[in-house]
Amino acid sequence: MESKISKYQDQIYNFNGLWDVPSICGLKIVKKQDETIVIATDLFDENPGTSITEWNTKLAKELCDKYEIDYKRLIYIEHTPNKKTKLSFNQESFYIVEFDIDNDKFENPKWKEISKEEVNKLITE
């Protein structure tokens, strides 16, 4: 089946979050031979609604359905950009999020931190 996305996308993505509040995130999609890498970036200051971490099970499913991404070939990464402060929770981070998938529903997210270098390697190899 031919995907609705090109090999690479980088955009601002609008979604309805908690209580249907309009929300946004950065979205990068890299389609590769055997997998599709989705990087959702939390846009703290620009996002009027729900964070990607709060909404990841629903956002990951929505993106897979919209862009015809095979759930089993998805690598879903949450990205927090550097807010340029000394507080550790404001530093740049990347987490691969794995989900249990039950009857077309994403559940039980599990996070594993990875480095920016590992993300770059996933995208370029």
Protein backbone atom coordinates (compact mmCIF):
# COMPACT_ATOMS: atom_id res chain seq x y z
CA MET A 1 0.00 0.00 0.00
CA GLU A 2 1.42 3.42 -0.96
CA SER A 3 1.71 5.80 1.98
CA LYS A 4 0.08 9.23 2.03
CA ILE A 5 3.37 10.79 3.12
CA SER A 6 6.52 11.56 1.26
CA LYS A 7 9.76 10.02 2.46
CA TYR A 8 10.30 12.95 4.84
CA GLN A 9 8.06 15.55 6.48
CA ASP A 10 8.73 18.33 8.97
CA GLN A 11 5.78 20.46 10.04
CA ILE A 12 3.66 21.95 12.80
CA TYR A 13 0.84 19.49 13.51
CA ASN A 14 -2.56 20.47 14.91
CA PHE A 15 -4.51 17.97 17.00
CA ASN A 16 -7.42 18.03 19.41
CA GLY A 17 -6.16 17.21 22.88
CA LEU A 18 -7.84 16.71 26.21
CA TRP A 19 -11.45 17.97 26.15
CA ASP A 20 -10.98 18.67 22.40
CA VAL A 21 -8.76 21.66 23.16
CA PRO A 22 -6.81 22.68 20.04
CA SER A 23 -3.18 21.64 20.52
CA ILE A 24 -0.01 21.67 18.43
CA CYS A 25 3.32 19.92 18.24
CA GLY A 26 6.27 19.78 15.94
CA LEU A 27 6.09 16.70 13.74
CA LYS A 28 8.85 15.03 11.80
CA ILE A 29 8.11 11.83 9.86
CA VAL A 30 10.85 9.84 8.18
CA LYS A 31 9.67 6.90 6.09
CA LYS A 32 12.30 4.23 5.62
CA GLN A 33 12.33 0.81 3.99
CA ASP A 34 11.34 -1.21 7.06
CA GLU A 35 10.09 1.39 9.52
CA THR A 36 8.64 4.86 9.94
CA ILE A 37 10.15 7.23 12.47
CA VAL A 38 7.79 9.78 13.98
CA ILE A 39 9.26 12.53 16.14
CA ALA A 40 6.71 14.61 18.04
CA THR A 41 8.19 17.78 19.55
CA ASP A 42 6.62 19.50 22.53
CA LEU A 43 6.13 23.19 21.67
CA PHE A 44 5.76 24.50 25.21
CA ASP A 45 5.28 28.20 24.63
CA GLU A 46 3.30 27.94 21.39
CA ASN A 47 0.99 25.10 22.43
CA PRO A 48 -2.31 26.32 23.90
CA GLY A 49 -3.47 22.81 24.74
CA THR A 50 -2.42 19.29 25.68
CA SER A 51 1.22 18.18 25.79
CA ILE A 52 2.40 15.34 23.58
CA THR A 53 3.34 13.28 26.64
CA GLU A 54 -0.16 13.54 28.07
CA TRP A 55 -1.71 12.60 24.72
CA ASN A 56 0.86 10.19 23.25
CA THR A 57 -1.36 7.09 22.99
CA LYS A 58 -4.01 8.99 21.07
CA LEU A 59 -1.57 11.10 19.05
CA ALA A 60 0.49 8.09 17.91
CA LYS A 61 -2.64 6.26 16.76
CA GLU A 62 -4.01 9.37 15.02
CA LEU A 63 -0.74 9.84 13.13
CA CYS A 64 -0.57 6.17 12.12
CA ASP A 65 -4.14 6.27 10.84
CA LYS A 66 -3.81 9.60 9.06
CA TYR A 67 -0.50 8.82 7.35
CA GLU A 68 -1.05 5.08 6.88
CA ILE A 69 1.85 4.07 9.11
CA ASP A 70 2.00 0.40 10.06
CA TYR A 71 1.71 0.22 13.87
CA LYS A 72 4.24 -2.63 13.96
CA ARG A 73 6.82 -0.61 12.02
CA LEU A 74 6.46 2.61 14.02
CA ILE A 75 9.30 4.17 15.98
CA TYR A 76 7.64 6.93 17.99
CA ILE A 77 9.92 9.50 19.63
CA GLU A 78 8.97 12.33 21.98
CA HIS A 79 11.29 15.30 21.74
CA THR A 80 11.61 18.08 24.29
CA PRO A 81 13.61 21.02 22.95
CA ASN A 82 16.18 22.83 25.04
CA LYS A 83 14.59 25.78 26.86
CA LYS A 84 18.06 27.20 27.57
CA THR A 85 17.82 27.21 31.36
CA LYS A 86 19.88 25.46 34.02
CA LEU A 87 16.93 23.35 35.15
CA SER A 88 17.49 19.73 34.12
CA PHE A 89 13.87 19.19 33.05
CA ASN A 90 14.24 22.06 30.55
CA GLN A 91 17.14 20.47 28.68
CA GLU A 92 16.73 18.79 25.32
CA SER A 93 15.67 15.16 25.53
CA PHE A 94 14.50 12.35 23.28
CA TYR A 95 12.46 9.33 24.36
CA ILE A 96 11.42 6.36 22.29
CA VAL A 97 7.89 5.50 23.38
CA GLU A 98 6.69 1.93 22.95
CA PHE A 99 3.02 1.06 23.24
CA ASP A 100 0.97 -2.05 23.80
CA ILE A 101 -1.52 -2.27 20.95
CA ASP A 102 -4.81 -3.96 21.75
CA ASN A 103 -7.66 -4.01 19.20
CA ASP A 104 -6.33 -0.97 17.32
CA LYS A 105 -5.84 0.97 20.57
CA PHE A 106 -2.47 2.25 21.81
CA GLU A 107 -2.00 1.68 25.56
CA ASN A 108 0.58 1.55 28.35
CA PRO A 109 3.32 3.83 26.99
CA LYS A 110 6.86 2.96 28.05
CA TRP A 111 9.62 5.56 27.66
CA LYS A 112 13.30 4.91 26.98
CA GLU A 113 15.64 7.89 26.80
CA ILE A 114 18.00 8.01 23.84
CA SER A 115 20.62 10.52 22.76
CA LYS A 116 20.38 13.01 19.93
CA GLU A 117 23.13 11.05 18.19
CA GLU A 118 21.02 7.88 18.37
CA VAL A 119 18.06 9.77 16.88
CA ASN A 120 20.25 11.08 14.05
CA LYS A 121 21.52 7.57 13.41
CA LEU A 122 17.95 6.20 13.23
CA ILE A 123 17.01 8.88 10.71
CA THR A 124 20.06 8.67 8.47
CA GLU A 125 20.85 4.95 8.30
